[in-house]
C-alpha atoms as a PDB file:
ATOM      1  CA  MET A   1       6.862 -10.726  31.619  1.00  0.00           C
ATOM      2  CA  ARG A   2       6.395 -13.790  33.798  1.00  0.00           C
ATOM      3  CA  VAL A   3       8.967 -16.075  32.525  1.00  0.00           C
ATOM      4  CA  CYS A   4      12.783 -15.696  31.590  1.00  0.00           C
ATOM      5  CA  PRO A   5      13.224 -15.784  27.903  1.00  0.00           C
ATOM      6  CA  GLU A   6      16.889 -17.308  28.792  1.00  0.00           C
ATOM      7  CA  CYS A   7      15.784 -20.602  30.879  1.00  0.00           C
ATOM      8  CA  GLY A   8      12.434 -20.821  31.439  1.00  0.00           C
ATOM      9  CA  SER A   9      12.351 -19.720  35.337  1.00  0.00           C
ATOM     10  CA  ASP A  10      10.119 -17.530  36.779  1.00  0.00           C
ATOM     11  CA  LEU A  11      11.108 -13.750  37.069  1.00  0.00           C
ATOM     12  CA  ALA A  12      10.611 -11.595  40.588  1.00  0.00           C
ATOM     13  CA  ALA A  13      11.328  -8.409  41.347  1.00  0.00           C
ATOM     14  CA  ALA A  14      14.681  -7.134  42.399  1.00  0.00           C
ATOM     15  CA  GLU A  15      16.687  -4.143  42.548  1.00  0.00           C
ATOM     16  CA  VAL A  16      19.205  -3.736  39.676  1.00  0.00           C
ATOM     17  CA  ASP A  17      21.086  -0.796  39.390  1.00  0.00           C
ATOM     18  CA  GLY A  18      19.358   1.283  41.974  1.00  0.00           C
ATOM     19  CA  ARG A  19      15.887   0.421  40.383  1.00  0.00           C
ATOM     20  CA  GLU A  20      13.393  -2.454  40.733  1.00  0.00           C
ATOM     21  CA  ARG A  21      13.090  -5.095  37.348  1.00  0.00           C
ATOM     22  CA  LEU A  22      12.187  -8.184  37.221  1.00  0.00           C
ATOM     23  CA  ARG A  23      15.268 -10.707  37.330  1.00  0.00           C
ATOM     24  CA  CYS A  24      15.500 -14.318  36.694  1.00  0.00           C
ATOM     25  CA  THR A  25      15.313 -16.295  39.779  1.00  0.00           C
ATOM     26  CA  SER A  26      17.999 -18.893  38.428  1.00  0.00           C
ATOM     27  CA  ASP A  27      21.168 -18.820  40.390  1.00  0.00           C
ATOM     28  CA  ASP A  28      23.147 -20.019  37.172  1.00  0.00           C
ATOM     29  CA  CYS A  29      21.158 -17.521  34.719  1.00  0.00           C
ATOM     30  CA  PRO A  30      21.920 -13.569  34.468  1.00  0.00           C
ATOM     31  CA  PHE A  31      18.889 -12.250  32.453  1.00  0.00           C
ATOM     32  CA  VAL A  32      17.200  -9.005  33.723  1.00  0.00           C
ATOM     33  CA  PHE A  33      14.121  -7.619  32.176  1.00  0.00           C
ATOM     34  CA  TRP A  34      15.306  -4.090  31.513  1.00  0.00           C
ATOM     35  CA  ASP A  35      12.057  -2.466  30.250  1.00  0.00           C
ATOM     36  CA  ASN A  36      13.592   0.184  28.410  1.00  0.00           C
ATOM     37  CA  PRO A  37      11.508   2.267  26.159  1.00  0.00           C
ATOM     38  CA  THR A  38      11.042   1.331  22.808  1.00  0.00           C
ATOM     39  CA  PRO A  39      12.169   3.940  19.547  1.00  0.00           C
ATOM     40  CA  VAL A  40       9.002   4.612  17.408  1.00  0.00           C
ATOM     41  CA  VAL A  41       9.058   7.393  14.456  1.00  0.00           C
ATOM     42  CA  ALA A  42       6.520   9.881  13.592  1.00  0.00           C
ATOM     43  CA  ALA A  43       6.228  11.950  10.324  1.00  0.00           C
ATOM     44  CA  ILE A  44       4.329  15.290  10.204  1.00  0.00           C
ATOM     45  CA  VAL A  45       3.671  14.448   6.728  1.00  0.00           C
ATOM     46  CA  GLU A  46       3.019  17.611   4.459  1.00  0.00           C
ATOM     47  CA  LEU A  47       1.211  17.064   1.085  1.00  0.00           C
ATOM     48  CA  ASP A  48       0.557  19.715  -1.489  1.00  0.00           C
ATOM     49  CA  GLU A  49       0.902  22.205   1.995  1.00  0.00           C
ATOM     50  CA  GLN A  50      -1.543  20.219   4.076  1.00  0.00           C
ATOM     51  CA  VAL A  51      -0.378  17.678   7.096  1.00  0.00           C
ATOM     52  CA  VAL A  52      -2.027  14.507   6.521  1.00  0.00           C
ATOM     53  CA  LEU A  53      -3.405  12.934   9.831  1.00  0.00           C
ATOM     54  CA  THR A  54      -4.349   9.504  10.334  1.00  0.00           C
ATOM     55  CA  ARG A  55      -6.480   7.603  12.389  1.00  0.00           C
ATOM     56  CA  LYS A  56      -5.746   3.814  13.137  1.00  0.00           C
ATOM     57  CA  ASP A  57      -8.207   0.883  13.635  1.00  0.00           C
ATOM     58  CA  GLY A  58      -9.748   1.147  17.208  1.00  0.00           C
ATOM     59  CA  TRP A  59      -8.891   4.703  17.791  1.00  0.00           C
ATOM     60  CA  PRO A  60     -11.825   6.817  19.011  1.00  0.00           C
ATOM     61  CA  ALA A  61     -14.000   8.128  15.753  1.00  0.00           C
ATOM     62  CA  LYS A  62     -12.892  11.818  16.352  1.00  0.00           C
ATOM     63  CA  MET A  63      -8.862  11.087  17.012  1.00  0.00           C
ATOM     64  CA  TYR A  64      -6.186  11.192  14.493  1.00  0.00           C
ATOM     65  CA  GLY A  65      -2.617  11.537  14.682  1.00  0.00           C
ATOM     66  CA  LEU A  66       0.606  11.488  12.983  1.00  0.00           C
ATOM     67  CA  VAL A  67       1.936   8.528  10.822  1.00  0.00           C
ATOM     68  CA  ALA A  68       4.049   6.769  13.300  1.00  0.00           C
ATOM     69  CA  GLY A  69       5.263   3.307  13.654  1.00  0.00           C
ATOM     70  CA  PHE A  70       8.026   1.059  14.968  1.00  0.00           C
ATOM     71  CA  LEU A  71      11.862   0.820  13.827  1.00  0.00           C
ATOM     72  CA  GLU A  72      12.830  -2.580  12.356  1.00  0.00           C
ATOM     73  CA  LYS A  73      15.410  -4.915  13.146  1.00  0.00           C
ATOM     74  CA  GLY A  74      18.496  -3.644  10.956  1.00  0.00           C
ATOM     75  CA  GLU A  75      16.750  -0.422   9.593  1.00  0.00           C
ATOM     76  CA  THR A  76      17.819   3.366   9.757  1.00  0.00           C
ATOM     77  CA  VAL A  77      15.456   5.822  11.279  1.00  0.00           C
ATOM     78  CA  GLU A  78      15.280   7.509   8.156  1.00  0.00           C
ATOM     79  CA  ALA A  79      14.470   4.273   6.355  1.00  0.00           C
ATOM     80  CA  SER A  80      12.017   3.811   9.167  1.00  0.00           C
ATOM     81  CA  ILE A  81       9.836   6.773   8.816  1.00  0.00           C
ATOM     82  CA  LEU A  82       9.722   6.857   4.921  1.00  0.00           C
ATOM     83  CA  ARG A  83       8.549   3.282   4.967  1.00  0.00           C
ATOM     84  CA  GLU A  84       6.065   4.185   7.397  1.00  0.00           C
ATOM     85  CA  VAL A  85       4.715   7.225   5.229  1.00  0.00           C
ATOM     86  CA  ARG A  86       5.009   4.224   2.074  1.00  0.00           C
ATOM     87  CA  GLU A  87       2.678   1.960   3.830  1.00  0.00           C
ATOM     88  CA  GLU A  88       0.242   3.969   5.695  1.00  0.00           C
ATOM     89  CA  LEU A  89      -0.521   6.741   3.070  1.00  0.00           C
ATOM     90  CA  GLY A  90       1.133   4.783  -0.394  1.00  0.00           C
ATOM     91  CA  LEU A  91       3.462   8.244  -0.687  1.00  0.00           C
ATOM     92  CA  ASP A  92       7.018   8.310  -1.551  1.00  0.00           C
ATOM     93  CA  GLY A  93       8.734  10.781   1.023  1.00  0.00           C
ATOM     94  CA  GLU A  94      11.746  13.181   1.471  1.00  0.00           C
ATOM     95  CA  ILE A  95      12.660  13.888   4.979  1.00  0.00           C
ATOM     96  CA  VAL A  96      12.590  17.723   5.254  1.00  0.00           C
ATOM     97  CA  ASP A  97      14.236  18.018   8.957  1.00  0.00           C
ATOM     98  CA  PHE A  98      14.335  16.394  12.229  1.00  0.00           C
ATOM     99  CA  VAL A  99      11.735  17.723  14.550  1.00  0.00           C
ATOM    100  CA  GLY A 100      13.032  16.121  17.874  1.00  0.00           C
ATOM    101  CA  TYR A 101      13.137  13.328  20.365  1.00  0.00           C
ATOM    102  CA  TYR A 102      10.112  13.023  23.016  1.00  0.00           C
ATOM    103  CA  SER A 103       9.482  10.833  25.680  1.00  0.00           C
ATOM    104  CA  PHE A 104       6.102   9.505  25.685  1.00  0.00           C
ATOM    105  CA  LEU A 105       6.501   7.780  29.300  1.00  0.00           C
ATOM    106  CA  GLN A 106       2.746   6.981  29.094  1.00  0.00           C
ATOM    107  CA  ARG A 107       3.645   3.795  26.311  1.00  0.00           C
ATOM    108  CA  ASN A 108       7.530   3.529  27.469  1.00  0.00           C
ATOM    109  CA  GLN A 109       8.523   5.071  23.911  1.00  0.00           C
ATOM    110  CA  VAL A 110      10.773   7.693  22.613  1.00  0.00           C
ATOM    111  CA  ILE A 111       9.467   9.305  19.603  1.00  0.00           C
ATOM    112  CA  LEU A 112      11.618  10.257  17.312  1.00  0.00           C
ATOM    113  CA  ALA A 113       9.689  13.091  14.787  1.00  0.00           C
ATOM    114  CA  PHE A 114      10.482  14.199  11.346  1.00  0.00           C
ATOM    115  CA  HIS A 115       9.027  17.009   9.100  1.00  0.00           C
ATOM    116  CA  VAL A 116       8.383  14.779   5.649  1.00  0.00           C
ATOM    117  CA  ARG A 117       7.194  16.306   2.711  1.00  0.00           C
ATOM    118  CA  ALA A 118       5.579  13.848  -0.020  1.00  0.00           C
ATOM    119  CA  GLU A 119       3.897  13.505  -3.358  1.00  0.00           C
ATOM    120  CA  GLY A 120       1.525  11.501  -5.142  1.00  0.00           C
ATOM    121  CA  GLU A 121      -1.807  10.071  -4.333  1.00  0.00           C
ATOM    122  CA  ILE A 122      -2.599   8.759  -0.845  1.00  0.00           C
ATOM    123  CA  VAL A 123      -3.243   5.073  -0.746  1.00  0.00           C
ATOM    124  CA  VAL A 124      -4.812   4.359   2.570  1.00  0.00           C
ATOM    125  CA  GLY A 125      -2.815   1.408   3.839  1.00  0.00           C
ATOM    126  CA  GLU A 126      -4.257  -1.247   6.201  1.00  0.00           C
ATOM    127  CA  GLU A 127      -3.640   0.191   9.180  1.00  0.00           C
ATOM    128  CA  LEU A 128      -5.774   3.030   8.892  1.00  0.00           C
ATOM    129  CA  VAL A 129      -9.430   3.499   8.842  1.00  0.00           C
ATOM    130  CA  GLY A 130      -9.427   7.097   7.649  1.00  0.00           C
ATOM    131  CA  ILE A 131      -7.350  10.078   7.074  1.00  0.00           C
ATOM    132  CA  LYS A 132      -7.513  14.071   6.740  1.00  0.00           C
ATOM    133  CA  LEU A 133      -5.991  16.865   5.735  1.00  0.00           C
ATOM    134  CA  VAL A 134      -5.556  20.259   7.561  1.00  0.00           C
ATOM    135  CA  HIS A 135      -3.559  23.397   6.732  1.00  0.00           C
ATOM    136  CA  PRO A 136      -0.948  24.136   8.942  1.00  0.00           C
ATOM    137  CA  ASP A 137      -2.542  27.045  10.186  1.00  0.00           C
ATOM    138  CA  LYS A 138      -5.603  24.924  11.126  1.00  0.00           C
ATOM    139  CA  LEU A 139      -3.465  22.399  12.818  1.00  0.00           C
ATOM    140  CA  ARG A 140      -3.525  22.037  16.790  1.00  0.00           C
ATOM    141  CA  PRO A 141      -1.541  19.851  18.970  1.00  0.00           C
ATOM    142  CA  TRP A 142      -3.309  17.295  21.234  1.00  0.00           C
ATOM    143  CA  PRO A 143      -2.727  16.668  24.618  1.00  0.00           C
ATOM    144  CA  PHE A 144      -0.564  13.135  24.272  1.00  0.00           C
ATOM    145  CA  GLY A 145       1.961  11.274  22.307  1.00  0.00           C
ATOM    146  CA  THR A 146       2.873  13.469  19.260  1.00  0.00           C
ATOM    147  CA  GLU A 147       1.585  16.655  20.593  1.00  0.00           C
ATOM    148  CA  PRO A 148       5.077  17.911  21.764  1.00  0.00           C
ATOM    149  CA  ALA A 149       6.452  17.164  18.025  1.00  0.00           C
ATOM    150  CA  VAL A 150       3.284  19.220  16.297  1.00  0.00           C
ATOM    151  CA  ARG A 151       3.695  22.093  18.900  1.00  0.00           C
ATOM    152  CA  ASP A 152       7.253  22.563  18.101  1.00  0.00           C
ATOM    153  CA  TRP A 153       7.067  22.275  14.141  1.00  0.00           C
ATOM    154  CA  LEU A 154       3.894  24.888  14.225  1.00  0.00           C
ATOM    155  CA  GLN A 155       6.448  27.254  16.241  1.00  0.00           C
ATOM    156  CA  ARG A 156       9.185  26.680  13.985  1.00  0.00           C
ATOM    157  CA  ARG A 157       6.914  26.966  10.919  1.00  0.00           C
ATOM    158  CA  LYS A 158       5.318  30.524  12.491  1.00  0.00           C
ATOM    159  CA  THR A 159       9.086  31.710  13.075  1.00  0.00           C
ATOM    160  CA  ALA A 160      10.163  30.815   9.469  1.00  0.00           C
ATOM    161  CA  ILE A 161       7.113  32.362   7.914  1.00  0.00           C
ATOM    162  CA  SER A 162       7.856  35.472  10.056  1.00  0.00           C
ATOM    163  CA  ALA A 163      11.250  35.607   9.141  1.00  0.00           C
END
């Protein structure tokens, strides 16, 4: 961002609240670009005792991940995750549990992860180029993004099964 969305003046680096941020250069405009993290929802979707992994367009051929997307204005977190499951997989889902929240610093995001149980036949949405079904016993966390959510969910699952 280089131009103030409020008045059109240039933005320049300035110290605000003890951090360097972009601030409007106009003396009459108080705009500060805070660049706060964006909330993202992610779902560990379980369908017929398998976890559904997705591959988005532009991702490397062997890279799969969780159903995920951005919250939309006026939408609850719960509605957002169920919408994403419906949009990406064509499935109706039910939130089983909140897995946790995770900082994804590389993308300036905060991920809110849920375990969702789904029903129906998968209909791959426009954003996806592939899906993969993996039994939870074969699921392995990957080294970025939603990895901590998958790791935590697998640990809870293992603890519940052994209890």
